[in-house]
Amino acid sequence: MKAFLFTSIFWISATVAFGQNKSSANVSDCVTLMKRISENWKQDSTGNNGFRRDNTNHLLSCKQQGLTKDILLQNLGKPNQIRDTNKGKQVLYYYYDFRTLPKGKDGPLGYAYIVFTVPDGQEYVSNIDEGDADL
């Protein structure tokens, strides 16, 4: 009976421990991720080749510890837009833009973007989010 109880507790503990490792393994460091995607991200500057759209989810879920505005600009290049808000500066990169679609290609009249917020007086990114707007 003791052996059965011990084995049951062991398997439950092992299952929970492995489950936690898997979930944290799917979250990467933003700085490392940006260095890896940098070249292709810059090549998709119009946002309509699909590379930015495919990698937006990875950027939304990465660990932003150590991510500064300078690292952001160095790896992702010139942003499509910079906004001054009450939360600080928001740096926007479009991953879809109707205005830059090739001739003959149709899509929604608007644009979609990923936004990095840097609070005033700070250098570190505090939030990564996404949004869209109609034209």
N, C-alpha and C. Protein backbone atom coordinates (compact mmCIF):
# COMPACT_ATOMS: atom_id res chain seq x y z
N MET A 1 0.82 -1.19 0.00
CA MET A 1 0.00 0.00 0.00
C MET A 1 0.86 1.26 0.00
N LYS A 2 1.94 1.24 0.82
CA LYS A 2 2.83 2.39 0.87
C LYS A 2 3.51 2.61 -0.48
N ALA A 3 3.88 1.52 -1.13
CA ALA A 3 4.55 1.62 -2.43
C ALA A 3 3.60 2.23 -3.47
N PHE A 4 2.33 1.84 -3.43
CA PHE A 4 1.36 2.40 -4.36
C PHE A 4 1.16 3.90 -4.11
N LEU A 5 1.05 4.28 -2.85
CA LEU A 5 0.88 5.68 -2.49
C LEU A 5 2.10 6.50 -2.93
N PHE A 6 3.29 5.98 -2.65
CA PHE A 6 4.53 6.67 -3.03
C PHE A 6 4.61 6.83 -4.55
N THR A 7 4.30 5.77 -5.29
CA THR A 7 4.35 5.81 -6.76
C THR A 7 3.33 6.82 -7.30
N SER A 8 2.14 6.86 -6.73
CA SER A 8 1.11 7.80 -7.18
C SER A 8 1.56 9.24 -6.96
N ILE A 9 2.09 9.52 -5.79
CA ILE A 9 2.56 10.88 -5.49
C ILE A 9 3.71 11.25 -6.42
N PHE A 10 4.61 10.32 -6.67
CA PHE A 10 5.74 10.58 -7.56
C PHE A 10 5.26 10.95 -8.96
N TRP A 11 4.32 10.19 -9.51
CA TRP A 11 3.84 10.45 -10.87
C TRP A 11 3.08 11.78 -10.96
N ILE A 12 2.32 12.10 -9.96
CA ILE A 12 1.60 13.38 -9.96
C ILE A 12 2.59 14.53 -9.91
N SER A 13 3.60 14.42 -9.06
CA SER A 13 4.62 15.48 -8.95
C SER A 13 5.40 15.62 -10.25
N ALA A 14 5.76 14.51 -10.85
CA ALA A 14 6.53 14.55 -12.10
C ALA A 14 5.71 15.18 -13.22
N THR A 15 4.44 14.85 -13.28
CA THR A 15 3.57 15.40 -14.32
C THR A 15 3.42 16.91 -14.16
N VAL A 16 3.20 17.38 -12.96
CA VAL A 16 3.06 18.81 -12.70
C VAL A 16 4.36 19.53 -13.02
N ALA A 17 5.48 18.99 -12.63
CA ALA A 17 6.78 19.63 -12.87
C ALA A 17 7.07 19.72 -14.36
N PHE A 18 6.82 18.66 -15.11
CA PHE A 18 7.06 18.70 -16.55
C PHE A 18 6.11 19.67 -17.24
N GLY A 19 4.88 19.75 -16.77
CA GLY A 19 3.92 20.68 -17.35
C GLY A 19 4.36 22.12 -17.19
N GLN A 20 4.93 22.46 -16.05
CA GLN A 20 5.41 23.82 -15.84
C GLN A 20 6.59 24.12 -16.73
N ASN A 21 7.48 23.19 -16.93
CA ASN A 21 8.63 23.43 -17.79
C ASN A 21 8.21 23.66 -19.23
N LYS A 22 7.22 22.95 -19.70
CA LYS A 22 6.78 23.12 -21.08
C LYS A 22 6.20 24.51 -21.30
N SER A 23 5.40 24.99 -20.37
CA SER A 23 4.78 26.31 -20.59
C SER A 23 5.82 27.42 -20.55
N SER A 24 6.80 27.33 -19.67
CA SER A 24 7.81 28.38 -19.63
C SER A 24 8.78 28.27 -20.79
N ALA A 25 8.92 27.08 -21.37
CA ALA A 25 9.83 26.90 -22.50
C ALA A 25 9.29 27.57 -23.75
N ASN A 26 7.98 27.76 -23.84
CA ASN A 26 7.38 28.38 -25.02
C ASN A 26 7.51 29.90 -25.01
N VAL A 27 7.90 30.47 -23.88
CA VAL A 27 8.06 31.91 -23.78
C VAL A 27 9.54 32.24 -23.92
N SER A 28 9.87 33.04 -24.92
CA SER A 28 11.27 33.36 -25.15
C SER A 28 11.58 34.78 -24.69
N ASP A 29 12.85 35.07 -24.65
CA ASP A 29 13.35 36.38 -24.30
C ASP A 29 13.17 37.30 -25.51
N CYS A 30 12.59 38.49 -25.33
CA CYS A 30 12.32 39.41 -26.45
C CYS A 30 13.59 39.84 -27.17
N VAL A 31 14.65 40.12 -26.41
CA VAL A 31 15.88 40.60 -27.03
C VAL A 31 16.45 39.52 -27.95
N THR A 32 16.50 38.28 -27.48
CA THR A 32 17.00 37.18 -28.30
C THR A 32 16.12 36.96 -29.52
N LEU A 33 14.81 36.99 -29.32
CA LEU A 33 13.87 36.82 -30.43
C LEU A 33 14.05 37.92 -31.48
N MET A 34 14.17 39.15 -31.04
CA MET A 34 14.33 40.27 -31.99
C MET A 34 15.63 40.16 -32.78
N LYS A 35 16.68 39.73 -32.14
CA LYS A 35 17.95 39.56 -32.86
C LYS A 35 17.80 38.49 -33.94
N ARG A 36 17.03 37.44 -33.64
CA ARG A 36 16.85 36.34 -34.58
C ARG A 36 15.99 36.74 -35.78
N ILE A 37 14.99 37.57 -35.57
CA ILE A 37 14.06 37.92 -36.66
C ILE A 37 14.40 39.26 -37.32
N SER A 38 15.40 39.95 -36.83
CA SER A 38 15.71 41.31 -37.24
C SER A 38 15.78 41.52 -38.75
N GLU A 39 16.58 40.75 -39.43
CA GLU A 39 16.80 40.97 -40.86
C GLU A 39 15.51 40.81 -41.67
N ASN A 40 14.79 39.73 -41.42
CA ASN A 40 13.54 39.49 -42.16
C ASN A 40 12.45 40.50 -41.79
N TRP A 41 12.45 40.94 -40.53
CA TRP A 41 11.47 41.94 -40.09
C TRP A 41 11.66 43.24 -40.87
N LYS A 42 12.91 43.66 -41.00
CA LYS A 42 13.22 44.90 -41.72
C LYS A 42 12.88 44.78 -43.20
N GLN A 43 13.07 43.61 -43.78
CA GLN A 43 12.75 43.39 -45.20
C GLN A 43 11.25 43.48 -45.45
N ASP A 44 10.45 43.13 -44.45
CA ASP A 44 8.99 43.19 -44.58
C ASP A 44 8.48 44.55 -44.08
N SER A 45 9.13 45.61 -44.52
CA SER A 45 8.83 46.95 -44.00
C SER A 45 7.41 47.42 -44.31
N THR A 46 6.80 46.92 -45.38
CA THR A 46 5.42 47.30 -45.68
C THR A 46 4.44 46.51 -44.82
N GLY A 47 4.90 45.42 -44.24
CA GLY A 47 4.03 44.61 -43.40
C GLY A 47 3.13 43.66 -44.16
N ASN A 48 3.30 43.57 -45.47
CA ASN A 48 2.38 42.76 -46.26
C ASN A 48 2.99 41.48 -46.83
N ASN A 49 4.22 41.17 -46.46
CA ASN A 49 4.82 39.90 -46.91
C ASN A 49 4.46 38.74 -46.00
N GLY A 50 3.89 39.04 -44.83
CA GLY A 50 3.45 38.00 -43.92
C GLY A 50 4.42 37.68 -42.80
N PHE A 51 5.68 38.09 -42.92
CA PHE A 51 6.66 37.75 -41.88
C PHE A 51 6.31 38.43 -40.56
N ARG A 52 5.99 39.70 -40.60
CA ARG A 52 5.65 40.41 -39.36
C ARG A 52 4.39 39.83 -38.72
N ARG A 53 3.39 39.54 -39.52
CA ARG A 53 2.15 38.97 -38.99
C ARG A 53 2.42 37.63 -38.33
N ASP A 54 3.26 36.79 -38.96
CA ASP A 54 3.56 35.47 -38.42
C ASP A 54 4.34 35.54 -37.11
N ASN A 55 5.11 36.60 -36.89
CA ASN A 55 5.94 36.70 -35.68
C ASN A 55 5.35 37.60 -34.60
N THR A 56 4.25 38.24 -34.86
CA THR A 56 3.63 39.12 -33.87
C THR A 56 3.26 38.36 -32.60
N ASN A 57 2.68 37.18 -32.72
CA ASN A 57 2.29 36.42 -31.53
C ASN A 57 3.49 36.07 -30.66
N HIS A 58 4.64 35.78 -31.28
CA HIS A 58 5.84 35.49 -30.51
C HIS A 58 6.29 36.73 -29.74
N LEU A 59 6.22 37.89 -30.37
CA LEU A 59 6.62 39.13 -29.70
C LEU A 59 5.64 39.50 -28.58
N LEU A 60 4.37 39.21 -28.78
CA LEU A 60 3.38 39.52 -27.74
C LEU A 60 3.56 38.67 -26.49
N SER A 61 4.13 37.49 -26.63
CA SER A 61 4.26 36.59 -25.49
C SER A 61 5.68 36.47 -24.95
N CYS A 62 6.63 37.20 -25.51
CA CYS A 62 8.02 37.07 -25.05
C CYS A 62 8.24 37.82 -23.74
N LYS A 63 9.31 37.45 -23.05
CA LYS A 63 9.69 38.12 -21.79
C LYS A 63 10.43 39.40 -22.15
N GLN A 64 9.86 40.54 -21.75
CA GLN A 64 10.41 41.83 -22.16
C GLN A 64 11.46 42.38 -21.22
N GLN A 65 11.89 41.59 -20.26
CA GLN A 65 12.92 42.05 -19.33
C GLN A 65 14.20 42.42 -20.09
N GLY A 66 14.70 43.64 -19.85
CA GLY A 66 15.92 44.09 -20.51
C GLY A 66 15.70 44.70 -21.88
N LEU A 67 14.45 44.77 -22.34
CA LEU A 67 14.16 45.32 -23.66
C LEU A 67 14.05 46.84 -23.57
N THR A 68 14.97 47.53 -24.22
CA THR A 68 14.96 48.99 -24.23
C THR A 68 14.50 49.51 -25.59
N LYS A 69 14.21 50.80 -25.63
CA LYS A 69 13.80 51.42 -26.89
C LYS A 69 14.94 51.33 -27.91
N ASP A 70 16.18 51.50 -27.45
CA ASP A 70 17.33 51.43 -28.36
C ASP A 70 17.47 50.03 -28.96
N ILE A 71 17.31 48.99 -28.16
CA ILE A 71 17.39 47.61 -28.67
C ILE A 71 16.26 47.37 -29.67
N LEU A 72 15.09 47.88 -29.35
CA LEU A 72 13.93 47.76 -30.23
C LEU A 72 14.22 48.37 -31.60
N LEU A 73 14.69 49.61 -31.61
CA LEU A 73 14.96 50.30 -32.87
C LEU A 73 16.13 49.67 -33.63
N GLN A 74 17.12 49.21 -32.91
CA GLN A 74 18.28 48.58 -33.55
C GLN A 74 17.88 47.28 -34.26
N ASN A 75 17.02 46.49 -33.64
CA ASN A 75 16.68 45.18 -34.20
C ASN A 75 15.48 45.20 -35.14
N LEU A 76 14.49 46.04 -34.88
CA LEU A 76 13.30 46.06 -35.72
C LEU A 76 13.31 47.21 -36.72
N GLY A 77 14.27 48.11 -36.59
CA GLY A 77 14.40 49.19 -37.55
C GLY A 77 13.46 50.35 -37.28
N LYS A 78 13.33 51.20 -38.28
CA LYS A 78 12.50 52.39 -38.17
C LYS A 78 11.03 51.99 -38.02
N PRO A 79 10.35 52.54 -37.00
CA PRO A 79 8.93 52.22 -36.82
C PRO A 79 8.06 52.93 -37.85
N ASN A 80 6.87 52.41 -38.07
CA ASN A 80 5.93 53.04 -38.98
C ASN A 80 5.33 54.30 -38.37
N GLN A 81 5.28 54.33 -37.03
CA GLN A 81 4.65 55.47 -36.36
C GLN A 81 5.15 55.51 -34.91
N ILE A 82 5.30 56.73 -34.37
CA ILE A 82 5.60 56.92 -32.95
C ILE A 82 4.54 57.87 -32.41
N ARG A 83 3.90 57.46 -31.31
CA ARG A 83 2.84 58.27 -30.71
C ARG A 83 3.28 58.74 -29.32
N ASP A 84 2.93 59.97 -28.99
CA ASP A 84 3.08 60.46 -27.62
C ASP A 84 1.72 60.30 -26.95
N THR A 85 1.67 59.52 -25.86
CA THR A 85 0.42 59.29 -25.15
C THR A 85 0.64 59.60 -23.67
N ASN A 86 -0.43 59.49 -22.89
CA ASN A 86 -0.30 59.70 -21.45
C ASN A 86 0.44 58.53 -20.78
N LYS A 87 0.63 57.43 -21.48
CA LYS A 87 1.39 56.29 -20.97
C LYS A 87 2.87 56.38 -21.33
N GLY A 88 3.21 57.30 -22.21
CA GLY A 88 4.58 57.45 -22.68
C GLY A 88 4.62 57.38 -24.20
N LYS A 89 5.76 57.03 -24.73
CA LYS A 89 5.91 56.89 -26.19
C LYS A 89 5.46 55.49 -26.59
N GLN A 90 4.70 55.45 -27.67
CA GLN A 90 4.29 54.17 -28.24
C GLN A 90 4.93 54.04 -29.62
N VAL A 91 5.67 52.96 -29.81
CA VAL A 91 6.37 52.68 -31.06
C VAL A 91 5.57 51.62 -31.80
N LEU A 92 5.07 51.96 -33.00
CA LEU A 92 4.20 51.07 -33.77
C LEU A 92 4.91 50.51 -34.99
N TYR A 93 4.75 49.21 -35.19
CA TYR A 93 5.22 48.53 -36.40
C TYR A 93 4.01 47.85 -37.03
N TYR A 94 3.71 48.20 -38.28
CA TYR A 94 2.57 47.62 -38.98
C TYR A 94 2.90 46.20 -39.43
N TYR A 95 1.93 45.29 -39.24
CA TYR A 95 2.08 43.97 -39.83
C TYR A 95 1.01 43.72 -40.91
N TYR A 96 0.17 44.71 -41.13
CA TYR A 96 -0.75 44.73 -42.27
C TYR A 96 -1.08 46.18 -42.57
N ASP A 97 -1.06 46.56 -43.85
CA ASP A 97 -1.39 47.93 -44.23
C ASP A 97 -2.02 47.91 -45.62
N PHE A 98 -3.30 48.25 -45.69
CA PHE A 98 -4.03 48.25 -46.95
C PHE A 98 -3.37 49.17 -47.98
N ARG A 99 -2.82 50.29 -47.52
CA ARG A 99 -2.25 51.30 -48.42
C ARG A 99 -1.03 50.79 -49.19
N THR A 100 -0.40 49.75 -48.70
CA THR A 100 0.81 49.25 -49.37
C THR A 100 0.62 47.89 -50.01
N LEU A 101 -0.63 47.45 -50.13
CA LEU A 101 -0.90 46.18 -50.80
C LEU A 101 -0.52 46.28 -52.27
N PRO A 102 0.01 45.20 -52.84
CA PRO A 102 0.32 45.22 -54.28
C PRO A 102 -0.96 45.37 -55.10
N LYS A 103 -0.82 45.94 -56.30
CA LYS A 103 -1.99 46.11 -57.18
C LYS A 103 -2.62 44.76 -57.46
N GLY A 104 -3.93 44.74 -57.44
CA GLY A 104 -4.67 43.52 -57.72
C GLY A 104 -4.94 42.69 -56.47
N LYS A 105 -4.32 43.02 -55.35
CA LYS A 105 -4.55 42.30 -54.10
C LYS A 105 -5.55 43.09 -53.27
N ASP A 106 -6.53 42.41 -52.71
CA ASP A 106 -7.58 43.07 -51.97
C ASP A 106 -7.50 42.69 -50.50
N GLY A 107 -8.00 43.57 -49.64
CA GLY A 107 -8.01 43.30 -48.22
C GLY A 107 -8.81 44.36 -47.48
N PRO A 108 -8.93 44.22 -46.16
CA PRO A 108 -9.67 45.20 -45.37
C PRO A 108 -9.04 46.59 -45.46
N LEU A 109 -9.87 47.62 -45.44
CA LEU A 109 -9.39 49.01 -45.50
C LEU A 109 -8.93 49.44 -44.10
N GLY A 110 -7.68 49.22 -43.82
CA GLY A 110 -7.15 49.59 -42.52
C GLY A 110 -5.72 49.12 -42.38
N TYR A 111 -5.24 49.15 -41.16
CA TYR A 111 -3.92 48.64 -40.86
C TYR A 111 -3.92 48.01 -39.47
N ALA A 112 -3.02 47.06 -39.27
CA ALA A 112 -2.87 46.38 -37.98
C ALA A 112 -1.42 46.51 -37.56
N TYR A 113 -1.19 46.59 -36.27
CA TYR A 113 0.15 46.88 -35.78
C TYR A 113 0.43 46.21 -34.44
N ILE A 114 1.72 46.13 -34.12
CA ILE A 114 2.18 45.75 -32.80
C ILE A 114 2.77 47.02 -32.20
N VAL A 115 2.48 47.27 -30.93
CA VAL A 115 2.90 48.52 -30.30
C VAL A 115 3.71 48.23 -29.04
N PHE A 116 4.83 48.94 -28.91
CA PHE A 116 5.72 48.84 -27.76
C PHE A 116 5.62 50.15 -27.00
N THR A 117 5.28 50.10 -25.71
CA THR A 117 5.13 51.31 -24.91
C THR A 117 6.35 51.50 -24.02
N VAL A 118 6.92 52.72 -24.09
CA VAL A 118 8.06 53.11 -23.26
C VAL A 118 7.60 54.32 -22.44
N PRO A 119 7.43 54.14 -21.11
CA PRO A 119 6.97 55.26 -20.28
C PRO A 119 7.94 56.45 -20.33
N ASP A 120 7.38 57.66 -20.20
CA ASP A 120 8.20 58.87 -20.19
C ASP A 120 9.24 58.79 -19.07
N GLY A 121 10.46 59.20 -19.39
CA GLY A 121 11.53 59.20 -18.41
C GLY A 121 12.17 57.85 -18.18
N GLN A 122 11.75 56.82 -18.92
CA GLN A 122 12.32 55.49 -18.78
C GLN A 122 12.86 55.02 -20.12
N GLU A 123 13.71 54.02 -20.08
CA GLU A 123 14.25 53.50 -21.34
C GLU A 123 13.74 52.10 -21.65
N TYR A 124 13.14 51.43 -20.67
CA TYR A 124 12.68 50.05 -20.86
C TYR A 124 11.24 49.99 -21.35
N VAL A 125 10.97 49.04 -22.22
CA VAL A 125 9.61 48.80 -22.72
C VAL A 125 8.78 48.23 -21.58
N SER A 126 7.63 48.84 -21.32
CA SER A 126 6.78 48.39 -20.22
C SER A 126 5.64 47.50 -20.69
N ASN A 127 5.28 47.58 -21.97
CA ASN A 127 4.14 46.82 -22.46
C ASN A 127 4.27 46.57 -23.96
N ILE A 128 3.81 45.40 -24.38
CA ILE A 128 3.75 45.06 -25.80
C ILE A 128 2.30 44.65 -26.07
N ASP A 129 1.69 45.28 -27.06
CA ASP A 129 0.29 45.01 -27.37
C ASP A 129 0.09 45.09 -28.87
N GLU A 130 -1.12 44.86 -29.33
CA GLU A 130 -1.42 45.00 -30.75
C GLU A 130 -2.70 45.79 -30.90
N GLY A 131 -2.90 46.30 -32.10
CA GLY A 131 -4.11 47.07 -32.37
C GLY A 131 -4.35 47.18 -33.86
N ASP A 132 -5.46 47.82 -34.22
CA ASP A 132 -5.76 48.05 -35.63
C ASP A 132 -6.56 49.32 -35.76
N ALA A 133 -6.63 49.83 -36.96
CA ALA A 133 -7.37 51.05 -37.24
C ALA A 133 -7.95 50.98 -38.64
N ASP A 134 -9.11 51.59 -38.80
CA ASP A 134 -9.74 51.69 -40.12
C ASP A 134 -9.23 52.93 -40.81
N LEU A 135 -9.22 52.88 -42.14
CA LEU A 135 -8.82 54.05 -42.92
C LEU A 135 -10.03 54.80 -43.39
